[in-house]
Amino acid sequence: MPAAKTNTLTRDFFLGFIRLHILYHASQDAIFGLDMIRELATHGYQLSPGTLYPILHGMERDGFLRSEKQVVDGKIRKNYYITKDGRTALKEAIIKVRELMDEVGVMSS
């Protein structure tokens, strides 16, 4: 497979993992962009605001997140919360990830 296609495929996988991280953390508590950039960095993802915010906006547009504005230290922060559809998607994704991990685990033996 050409390097360009491999890079695109890898990028698509990572964007999916990032979306799962976002849904997971939003299922635990409200999230906001800068905090998610920091959290994702602990997992090796180096995201700029120009990458993360369109993902958050898209997930909100698609109904997986909702947002509320809050003033923090004189600045407006947009907090994101998981929706019912987001919780359903997260539960379904966890099942699929577990199935994949089980299958890959068998393949690597």
Protein backbone atom coordinates (compact mmCIF):
# COMPACT_ATOMS: atom_id res chain seq x y z
CA MET A 1 0.00 0.00 0.00
CA PRO A 2 1.43 3.44 -0.88
CA ALA A 3 2.59 5.57 2.06
CA ALA A 4 -0.06 8.25 1.39
CA LYS A 5 -2.86 5.67 1.68
CA THR A 6 -1.29 4.18 4.83
CA ASN A 7 -1.05 7.65 6.40
CA THR A 8 -4.68 8.40 5.54
CA LEU A 9 -5.84 5.09 6.99
CA THR A 10 -3.82 5.61 10.17
CA ARG A 11 -5.17 9.17 10.51
CA ASP A 12 -8.75 7.89 10.13
CA PHE A 13 -8.16 5.25 12.82
CA PHE A 14 -6.71 7.80 15.22
CA LEU A 15 -9.56 10.24 14.60
CA GLY A 16 -11.96 7.46 15.53
CA PHE A 17 -9.99 6.73 18.72
CA ILE A 18 -10.03 10.44 19.57
CA ARG A 19 -13.80 10.57 19.14
CA LEU A 20 -14.13 7.58 21.48
CA HIS A 21 -11.93 9.31 24.07
CA ILE A 22 -14.09 12.42 23.79
CA LEU A 23 -17.32 10.49 24.26
CA TYR A 24 -15.86 8.55 27.17
CA HIS A 25 -14.65 11.65 29.01
CA ALA A 26 -17.89 13.51 28.28
CA SER A 27 -19.76 10.55 29.78
CA GLN A 28 -17.80 11.06 33.01
CA ASP A 29 -18.11 14.86 33.33
CA ALA A 30 -18.31 18.03 31.30
CA ILE A 31 -15.32 18.52 29.00
CA PHE A 32 -13.84 21.54 27.25
CA GLY A 33 -11.38 21.86 24.40
CA LEU A 34 -8.11 22.76 26.12
CA ASP A 35 -8.65 20.14 28.80
CA MET A 36 -9.27 17.48 26.12
CA ILE A 37 -6.11 18.53 24.27
CA ARG A 38 -4.19 17.95 27.51
CA GLU A 39 -5.95 14.67 28.25
CA LEU A 40 -5.39 13.31 24.76
CA ALA A 41 -1.72 14.30 24.97
CA THR A 42 -1.35 11.88 27.90
CA HIS A 43 -2.31 9.15 25.41
CA GLY A 44 0.17 10.31 22.79
CA TYR A 45 -2.17 12.39 20.63
CA GLN A 46 -0.73 15.79 19.78
CA LEU A 47 -3.73 17.84 18.69
CA SER A 48 -3.97 21.52 17.94
CA PRO A 49 -7.13 23.50 18.65
CA GLY A 50 -7.57 23.68 14.87
CA THR A 51 -7.93 19.89 14.82
CA LEU A 52 -9.89 19.31 18.02
CA TYR A 53 -12.52 22.03 17.80
CA PRO A 54 -13.90 20.92 14.43
CA ILE A 55 -14.20 17.40 15.85
CA LEU A 56 -16.14 18.71 18.88
CA HIS A 57 -18.35 20.89 16.67
CA GLY A 58 -19.04 17.97 14.34
CA MET A 59 -19.93 15.68 17.23
CA GLU A 60 -22.27 18.34 18.54
CA ARG A 61 -23.82 18.86 15.10
CA ASP A 62 -24.30 15.08 14.80
CA GLY A 63 -26.07 14.96 18.17
CA PHE A 64 -23.46 13.08 20.22
CA LEU A 65 -22.55 16.11 22.35
CA ARG A 66 -24.31 19.25 23.49
CA SER A 67 -22.64 22.41 24.72
CA GLU A 68 -23.22 25.17 27.22
CA LYS A 69 -21.22 28.36 27.59
CA GLN A 70 -19.80 29.25 30.99
CA VAL A 71 -17.75 32.22 32.16
CA VAL A 72 -14.51 31.08 33.82
CA ASP A 73 -11.98 33.66 35.01
CA GLY A 74 -13.64 36.28 32.83
CA LYS A 75 -13.45 34.12 29.69
CA ILE A 76 -16.22 32.20 28.00
CA ARG A 77 -15.67 28.45 28.03
CA LYS A 78 -17.78 26.04 26.01
CA ASN A 79 -18.42 22.91 28.04
CA TYR A 80 -19.51 19.77 26.22
CA TYR A 81 -21.78 17.08 27.62
CA ILE A 82 -22.63 13.69 26.20
CA THR A 83 -26.17 13.24 24.88
CA LYS A 84 -28.39 10.17 24.96
CA ASP A 85 -27.32 9.40 21.37
CA GLY A 86 -23.70 9.88 22.42
CA ARG A 87 -24.11 7.37 25.26
CA THR A 88 -25.69 4.86 22.89
CA ALA A 89 -22.87 5.34 20.36
CA LEU A 90 -20.25 4.96 23.09
CA LYS A 91 -21.80 1.73 24.40
CA GLU A 92 -21.98 0.30 20.87
CA ALA A 93 -18.39 1.34 20.13
CA ILE A 94 -17.12 -0.27 23.34
CA ILE A 95 -18.73 -3.56 22.30
CA LYS A 96 -17.10 -3.34 18.86
CA VAL A 97 -13.70 -2.42 20.31
CA ARG A 98 -13.86 -5.38 22.72
CA GLU A 99 -14.80 -7.71 19.87
CA LEU A 100 -11.87 -6.42 17.82
CA MET A 101 -9.44 -6.73 20.72
CA ASP A 102 -10.57 -10.30 21.35
CA GLU A 103 -10.11 -11.14 17.67
CA VAL A 104 -6.73 -9.44 17.39
CA GLY A 105 -5.62 -11.15 20.59
CA VAL A 106 -6.43 -14.51 19.01
CA MET A 107 -4.61 -13.56 15.82
CA SER A 108 -1.43 -12.50 17.64
CA SER A 109 -1.13 -15.83 19.48
